[in-house]
């Protein structure tokens, strides 16, 4: 029997909290560079200026993109560790735990794959949680200049948002409850 949209959403929220907590703990111990620290300080100051209306948002776009570029360039190692954490939790963990993450276990649902392969879970995870676009961004920040990277970053952000939105809509309106990621990777989320 298919899982309800509410149980899928509940599992999503629980898992997001777990992954954010774990990745926050691990990433918190990773070193940052001096350039990263300077860019983070600039970002904080710029946000304060925007919030206090000292600087108008539309006039700060160039500086925002420059800071974003510097932060992303100086934190590639953090991005890669975060990607690994997501893939390990949502992909590998689910594969070895019969299609369940902790959130799915608590909500009494599981992912069932037509072809019982660890790669199915990992690819499904990479697609729905934005790991593909995160990797594209890593490559982009390494090889593109600031303006080209800004465009790539914007496109990747829109693609991630669209994937999540379309998948959520599919889960709610399709009779079989399958999201876009379920259709692409031949999985179903069912009640335990």
C-alpha atoms as a PDB file:
ATOM      1  CA  UNK A   1       0.000   0.000   0.000  1.00  0.00           C
ATOM      2  CA  UNK A   2       1.366   3.430  -0.936  1.00  0.00           C
ATOM      3  CA  UNK A   3       2.588   5.813   1.736  1.00  0.00           C
ATOM      4  CA  UNK A   4       0.526   8.930   2.374  1.00  0.00           C
ATOM      5  CA  UNK A   5       1.831  12.365   1.445  1.00  0.00           C
ATOM      6  CA  UNK A   6       1.722  13.296   5.139  1.00  0.00           C
ATOM      7  CA  UNK A   7       3.895  10.349   6.177  1.00  0.00           C
ATOM      8  CA  UNK A   8       6.372  11.083   3.376  1.00  0.00           C
ATOM      9  CA  UNK A   9       6.536  14.743   4.405  1.00  0.00           C
ATOM     10  CA  UNK A  10       6.975  13.763   8.065  1.00  0.00           C
ATOM     11  CA  UNK A  11       9.846  11.431   7.167  1.00  0.00           C
ATOM     12  CA  UNK A  12      11.376  14.158   4.990  1.00  0.00           C
ATOM     13  CA  UNK A  13      11.336  16.658   7.885  1.00  0.00           C
ATOM     14  CA  UNK A  14      12.713  14.155  10.424  1.00  0.00           C
ATOM     15  CA  UNK A  15      15.487  13.072   8.059  1.00  0.00           C
ATOM     16  CA  UNK A  16      16.337  16.674   7.176  1.00  0.00           C
ATOM     17  CA  UNK A  17      16.756  17.510  10.860  1.00  0.00           C
ATOM     18  CA  UNK A  18      18.972  14.452  11.407  1.00  0.00           C
ATOM     19  CA  UNK A  19      21.157  15.113   8.362  1.00  0.00           C
ATOM     20  CA  UNK A  20      21.493  18.818   9.110  1.00  0.00           C
ATOM     21  CA  UNK A  21      22.474  18.048  12.692  1.00  0.00           C
ATOM     22  CA  UNK A  22      25.027  15.374  11.737  1.00  0.00           C
ATOM     23  CA  UNK A  23      26.503  17.380   8.873  1.00  0.00           C
ATOM     24  CA  UNK A  24      26.640  20.462  11.097  1.00  0.00           C
ATOM     25  CA  UNK A  25      28.605  18.525  13.690  1.00  0.00           C
ATOM     26  CA  UNK A  26      31.042  17.105  11.168  1.00  0.00           C
ATOM     27  CA  UNK A  27      31.418  20.243   9.050  1.00  0.00           C
ATOM     28  CA  UNK A  28      31.900  22.304  12.206  1.00  0.00           C
ATOM     29  CA  UNK A  29      35.247  20.568  12.717  1.00  0.00           C
ATOM     30  CA  UNK A  30      36.486  21.176   9.177  1.00  0.00           C
ATOM     31  CA  UNK A  31      39.002  23.987   8.814  1.00  0.00           C
ATOM     32  CA  UNK A  32      38.258  27.137   6.853  1.00  0.00           C
ATOM     33  CA  UNK A  33      40.704  29.368   5.050  1.00  0.00           C
ATOM     34  CA  UNK A  34      41.468  33.000   5.814  1.00  0.00           C
ATOM     35  CA  UNK A  35      39.768  33.957   2.515  1.00  0.00           C
ATOM     36  CA  UNK A  36      36.641  32.066   3.582  1.00  0.00           C
ATOM     37  CA  UNK A  37      36.565  33.830   6.956  1.00  0.00           C
ATOM     38  CA  UNK A  38      36.947  37.244   5.281  1.00  0.00           C
ATOM     39  CA  UNK A  39      34.162  36.464   2.776  1.00  0.00           C
ATOM     40  CA  UNK A  40      31.891  35.210   5.573  1.00  0.00           C
ATOM     41  CA  UNK A  41      32.475  38.450   7.484  1.00  0.00           C
ATOM     42  CA  UNK A  42      31.722  40.505   4.352  1.00  0.00           C
ATOM     43  CA  UNK A  43      28.533  38.510   3.840  1.00  0.00           C
ATOM     44  CA  UNK A  44      27.428  39.136   7.415  1.00  0.00           C
ATOM     45  CA  UNK A  45      28.129  42.864   7.111  1.00  0.00           C
ATOM     46  CA  UNK A  46      26.290  43.079   3.784  1.00  0.00           C
ATOM     47  CA  UNK A  47      23.249  41.265   5.185  1.00  0.00           C
ATOM     48  CA  UNK A  48      23.190  43.697   8.120  1.00  0.00           C
ATOM     49  CA  UNK A  49      23.349  46.657   5.710  1.00  0.00           C
ATOM     50  CA  UNK A  50      20.545  45.237   3.559  1.00  0.00           C
ATOM     51  CA  UNK A  51      18.341  44.533   6.579  1.00  0.00           C
ATOM     52  CA  UNK A  52      18.912  48.014   7.976  1.00  0.00           C
ATOM     53  CA  UNK A  53      18.124  49.425   4.480  1.00  0.00           C
ATOM     54  CA  UNK A  54      21.541  51.081   4.394  1.00  0.00           C
ATOM     55  CA  UNK A  55      22.059  49.250   1.095  1.00  0.00           C
ATOM     56  CA  UNK A  56      19.280  48.372  -1.328  1.00  0.00           C
ATOM     57  CA  UNK A  57      19.098  44.713  -2.318  1.00  0.00           C
ATOM     58  CA  UNK A  58      19.019  45.391  -6.050  1.00  0.00           C
ATOM     59  CA  UNK A  59      22.231  47.428  -5.753  1.00  0.00           C
ATOM     60  CA  UNK A  60      23.996  44.680  -3.796  1.00  0.00           C
ATOM     61  CA  UNK A  61      23.657  41.832  -6.336  1.00  0.00           C
ATOM     62  CA  UNK A  62      27.178  42.117  -7.720  1.00  0.00           C
ATOM     63  CA  UNK A  63      28.680  42.082  -4.245  1.00  0.00           C
ATOM     64  CA  UNK A  64      26.409  39.179  -3.223  1.00  0.00           C
ATOM     65  CA  UNK A  65      27.583  37.104  -6.199  1.00  0.00           C
ATOM     66  CA  UNK A  66      31.226  37.985  -5.549  1.00  0.00           C
ATOM     67  CA  UNK A  67      30.929  36.892  -1.906  1.00  0.00           C
ATOM     68  CA  UNK A  68      29.016  33.724  -2.866  1.00  0.00           C
ATOM     69  CA  UNK A  69      31.749  32.845  -5.362  1.00  0.00           C
ATOM     70  CA  UNK A  70      34.507  33.328  -2.784  1.00  0.00           C
ATOM     71  CA  UNK A  71      32.638  31.355  -0.107  1.00  0.00           C
ATOM     72  CA  UNK A  72      31.920  28.471  -2.477  1.00  0.00           C
ATOM     73  CA  UNK A  73      35.463  28.429  -3.833  1.00  0.00           C
ATOM     74  CA  UNK A  74      36.983  28.342  -0.358  1.00  0.00           C
ATOM     75  CA  UNK A  75      34.569  25.691   0.964  1.00  0.00           C
ATOM     76  CA  UNK A  76      34.706  23.003  -1.717  1.00  0.00           C
ATOM     77  CA  UNK A  77      35.896  20.499   0.875  1.00  0.00           C
ATOM     78  CA  UNK A  78      32.876  21.289   3.036  1.00  0.00           C
ATOM     79  CA  UNK A  79      30.518  20.861   0.080  1.00  0.00           C
ATOM     80  CA  UNK A  80      32.073  17.509  -0.825  1.00  0.00           C
ATOM     81  CA  UNK A  81      31.826  16.232   2.766  1.00  0.00           C
ATOM     82  CA  UNK A  82      28.190  17.344   2.901  1.00  0.00           C
ATOM     83  CA  UNK A  83      27.442  15.518  -0.364  1.00  0.00           C
ATOM     84  CA  UNK A  84      29.017  12.356   1.053  1.00  0.00           C
ATOM     85  CA  UNK A  85      26.938  12.644   4.239  1.00  0.00           C
ATOM     86  CA  UNK A  86      23.703  13.020   2.233  1.00  0.00           C
ATOM     87  CA  UNK A  87      24.528  10.104  -0.059  1.00  0.00           C
ATOM     88  CA  UNK A  88      25.566   7.915   2.868  1.00  0.00           C
ATOM     89  CA  UNK A  89      22.460   8.643   4.922  1.00  0.00           C
ATOM     90  CA  UNK A  90      19.758   8.723   2.274  1.00  0.00           C
ATOM     91  CA  UNK A  91      21.339   6.292  -0.171  1.00  0.00           C
ATOM     92  CA  UNK A  92      23.592   3.734   1.437  1.00  0.00           C
ATOM     93  CA  UNK A  93      21.899   3.725   4.842  1.00  0.00           C
ATOM     94  CA  UNK A  94      18.482   3.244   3.195  1.00  0.00           C
ATOM     95  CA  UNK A  95      19.843   0.435   1.020  1.00  0.00           C
ATOM     96  CA  UNK A  96      21.208  -1.501   3.986  1.00  0.00           C
ATOM     97  CA  UNK A  97      18.175  -0.770   6.161  1.00  0.00           C
ATOM     98  CA  UNK A  98      15.565  -2.167   3.783  1.00  0.00           C
ATOM     99  CA  UNK A  99      14.701   1.149   2.134  1.00  0.00           C
ATOM    100  CA  UNK A 100      14.370   3.073   5.351  1.00  0.00           C
ATOM    101  CA  UNK A 101      16.042   6.086   6.835  1.00  0.00           C
ATOM    102  CA  UNK A 102      15.359   6.903  10.482  1.00  0.00           C
ATOM    103  CA  UNK A 103      12.574   9.280   9.439  1.00  0.00           C
ATOM    104  CA  UNK A 104      10.942   6.670   7.242  1.00  0.00           C
ATOM    105  CA  UNK A 105      11.279   4.087  10.030  1.00  0.00           C
ATOM    106  CA  UNK A 106       9.525   6.431  12.469  1.00  0.00           C
ATOM    107  CA  UNK A 107       6.788   7.145   9.919  1.00  0.00           C
ATOM    108  CA  UNK A 108       6.507   3.404   9.122  1.00  0.00           C
ATOM    109  CA  UNK A 109       7.234   3.772   5.420  1.00  0.00           C
ATOM    110  CA  UNK A 110      10.008   2.567   3.152  1.00  0.00           C
ATOM    111  CA  UNK A 111      11.394   2.942  -0.346  1.00  0.00           C
ATOM    112  CA  UNK A 112      11.034  -0.092  -2.540  1.00  0.00           C
ATOM    113  CA  UNK A 113      13.164  -0.321  -5.670  1.00  0.00           C
ATOM    114  CA  UNK A 114      12.351  -2.434  -8.732  1.00  0.00           C
ATOM    115  CA  UNK A 115      16.019  -3.314  -9.122  1.00  0.00           C
ATOM    116  CA  UNK A 116      17.422  -3.899  -5.664  1.00  0.00           C
ATOM    117  CA  UNK A 117      20.615  -1.932  -6.187  1.00  0.00           C
ATOM    118  CA  UNK A 118      22.506   0.408  -3.904  1.00  0.00           C
ATOM    119  CA  UNK A 119      23.041   2.658  -6.948  1.00  0.00           C
ATOM    120  CA  UNK A 120      19.273   3.136  -7.274  1.00  0.00           C
ATOM    121  CA  UNK A 121      19.091   4.572  -3.765  1.00  0.00           C
ATOM    122  CA  UNK A 122      22.214   6.699  -4.246  1.00  0.00           C
ATOM    123  CA  UNK A 123      21.088   8.114  -7.619  1.00  0.00           C
ATOM    124  CA  UNK A 124      17.562   8.756  -6.292  1.00  0.00           C
ATOM    125  CA  UNK A 125      19.110  10.608  -3.349  1.00  0.00           C
ATOM    126  CA  UNK A 126      21.481  12.612  -5.540  1.00  0.00           C
ATOM    127  CA  UNK A 127      18.569  13.671  -7.723  1.00  0.00           C
ATOM    128  CA  UNK A 128      15.992  14.674  -5.099  1.00  0.00           C
ATOM    129  CA  UNK A 129      18.414  16.226  -2.599  1.00  0.00           C
ATOM    130  CA  UNK A 130      20.378  18.228  -5.150  1.00  0.00           C
ATOM    131  CA  UNK A 131      23.682  16.389  -4.985  1.00  0.00           C
ATOM    132  CA  UNK A 132      24.010  16.378  -8.789  1.00  0.00           C
ATOM    133  CA  UNK A 133      23.651  20.144  -8.942  1.00  0.00           C
ATOM    134  CA  UNK A 134      25.972  20.551  -5.948  1.00  0.00           C
ATOM    135  CA  UNK A 135      28.649  18.630  -7.852  1.00  0.00           C
ATOM    136  CA  UNK A 136      28.020  20.781 -10.931  1.00  0.00           C
ATOM    137  CA  UNK A 137      28.496  23.866  -8.745  1.00  0.00           C
ATOM    138  CA  UNK A 138      31.784  22.483  -7.379  1.00  0.00           C
ATOM    139  CA  UNK A 139      33.072  21.946 -10.914  1.00  0.00           C
ATOM    140  CA  UNK A 140      31.773  25.387 -11.900  1.00  0.00           C
ATOM    141  CA  UNK A 141      33.523  27.225  -9.085  1.00  0.00           C
ATOM    142  CA  UNK A 142      36.777  25.491 -10.002  1.00  0.00           C
ATOM    143  CA  UNK A 143      36.698  26.309 -13.712  1.00  0.00           C
ATOM    144  CA  UNK A 144      34.439  29.339 -14.278  1.00  0.00           C
ATOM    145  CA  UNK A 145      34.927  33.014 -13.586  1.00  0.00           C
ATOM    146  CA  UNK A 146      32.693  34.849 -11.114  1.00  0.00           C
ATOM    147  CA  UNK A 147      30.007  35.972 -13.564  1.00  0.00           C
ATOM    148  CA  UNK A 148      29.718  32.582 -15.302  1.00  0.00           C
ATOM    149  CA  UNK A 149      29.594  30.865 -11.910  1.00  0.00           C
ATOM    150  CA  UNK A 150      26.851  33.230 -10.749  1.00  0.00           C
ATOM    151  CA  UNK A 151      24.718  32.153 -13.704  1.00  0.00           C
ATOM    152  CA  UNK A 152      25.451  28.474 -13.117  1.00  0.00           C
ATOM    153  CA  UNK A 153      24.682  28.817  -9.398  1.00  0.00           C
ATOM    154  CA  UNK A 154      21.361  30.500 -10.173  1.00  0.00           C
ATOM    155  CA  UNK A 155      20.427  27.795 -12.680  1.00  0.00           C
ATOM    156  CA  UNK A 156      21.367  25.000 -10.260  1.00  0.00           C
ATOM    157  CA  UNK A 157      19.292  26.625  -7.508  1.00  0.00           C
ATOM    158  CA  UNK A 158      16.280  26.906  -9.821  1.00  0.00           C
ATOM    159  CA  UNK A 159      16.680  23.308 -10.982  1.00  0.00           C
ATOM    160  CA  UNK A 160      16.825  22.079  -7.358  1.00  0.00           C
ATOM    161  CA  UNK A 161      13.720  24.057  -6.478  1.00  0.00           C
ATOM    162  CA  UNK A 162      11.861  22.813  -9.573  1.00  0.00           C
ATOM    163  CA  UNK A 163      12.763  19.179  -8.867  1.00  0.00           C
ATOM    164  CA  UNK A 164      11.525  19.433  -5.275  1.00  0.00           C
ATOM    165  CA  UNK A 165       8.345  21.255  -6.275  1.00  0.00           C
ATOM    166  CA  UNK A 166       7.484  18.914  -9.145  1.00  0.00           C
ATOM    167  CA  UNK A 167       8.229  15.842  -7.028  1.00  0.00           C
ATOM    168  CA  UNK A 168       6.069  17.122  -4.175  1.00  0.00           C
ATOM    169  CA  UNK A 169       3.191  17.899  -6.538  1.00  0.00           C
ATOM    170  CA  UNK A 170       3.492  14.483  -8.181  1.00  0.00           C
ATOM    171  CA  UNK A 171       3.447  12.773  -4.753  1.00  0.00           C
ATOM    172  CA  UNK A 172       0.250  14.614  -3.837  1.00  0.00           C
ATOM    173  CA  UNK A 173      -1.711  14.306  -7.085  1.00  0.00           C
ATOM    174  CA  UNK A 174      -0.665  11.013  -8.647  1.00  0.00           C
ATOM    175  CA  UNK A 175      -2.823   8.060  -7.734  1.00  0.00           C
ATOM    176  CA  UNK A 176       0.247   5.896  -7.082  1.00  0.00           C
ATOM    177  CA  UNK A 177       1.866   8.659  -4.973  1.00  0.00           C
ATOM    178  CA  UNK A 178       5.097   8.563  -6.960  1.00  0.00           C
ATOM    179  CA  UNK A 179       7.269  11.641  -7.162  1.00  0.00           C
ATOM    180  CA  UNK A 180       9.389  12.546 -10.151  1.00  0.00           C
ATOM    181  CA  UNK A 181      12.373  10.874  -8.474  1.00  0.00           C
ATOM    182  CA  UNK A 182      10.343   7.670  -7.981  1.00  0.00           C
ATOM    183  CA  UNK A 183       9.370   7.591 -11.650  1.00  0.00           C
ATOM    184  CA  UNK A 184      12.917   8.200 -12.870  1.00  0.00           C
ATOM    185  CA  UNK A 185      14.567   5.638 -10.605  1.00  0.00           C
ATOM    186  CA  UNK A 186      11.719   3.090 -10.533  1.00  0.00           C
ATOM    187  CA  UNK A 187      10.994   3.269  -6.809  1.00  0.00           C
ATOM    188  CA  UNK A 188       7.870   3.410  -4.702  1.00  0.00           C
ATOM    189  CA  UNK A 189       7.369   4.647  -1.167  1.00  0.00           C
ATOM    190  CA  UNK A 190       5.065   2.241   0.635  1.00  0.00           C
ATOM    191  CA  UNK A 191       3.720   1.620   4.101  1.00  0.00           C
ATOM    192  CA  UNK A 192       5.768  -0.805   6.137  1.00  0.00           C
END
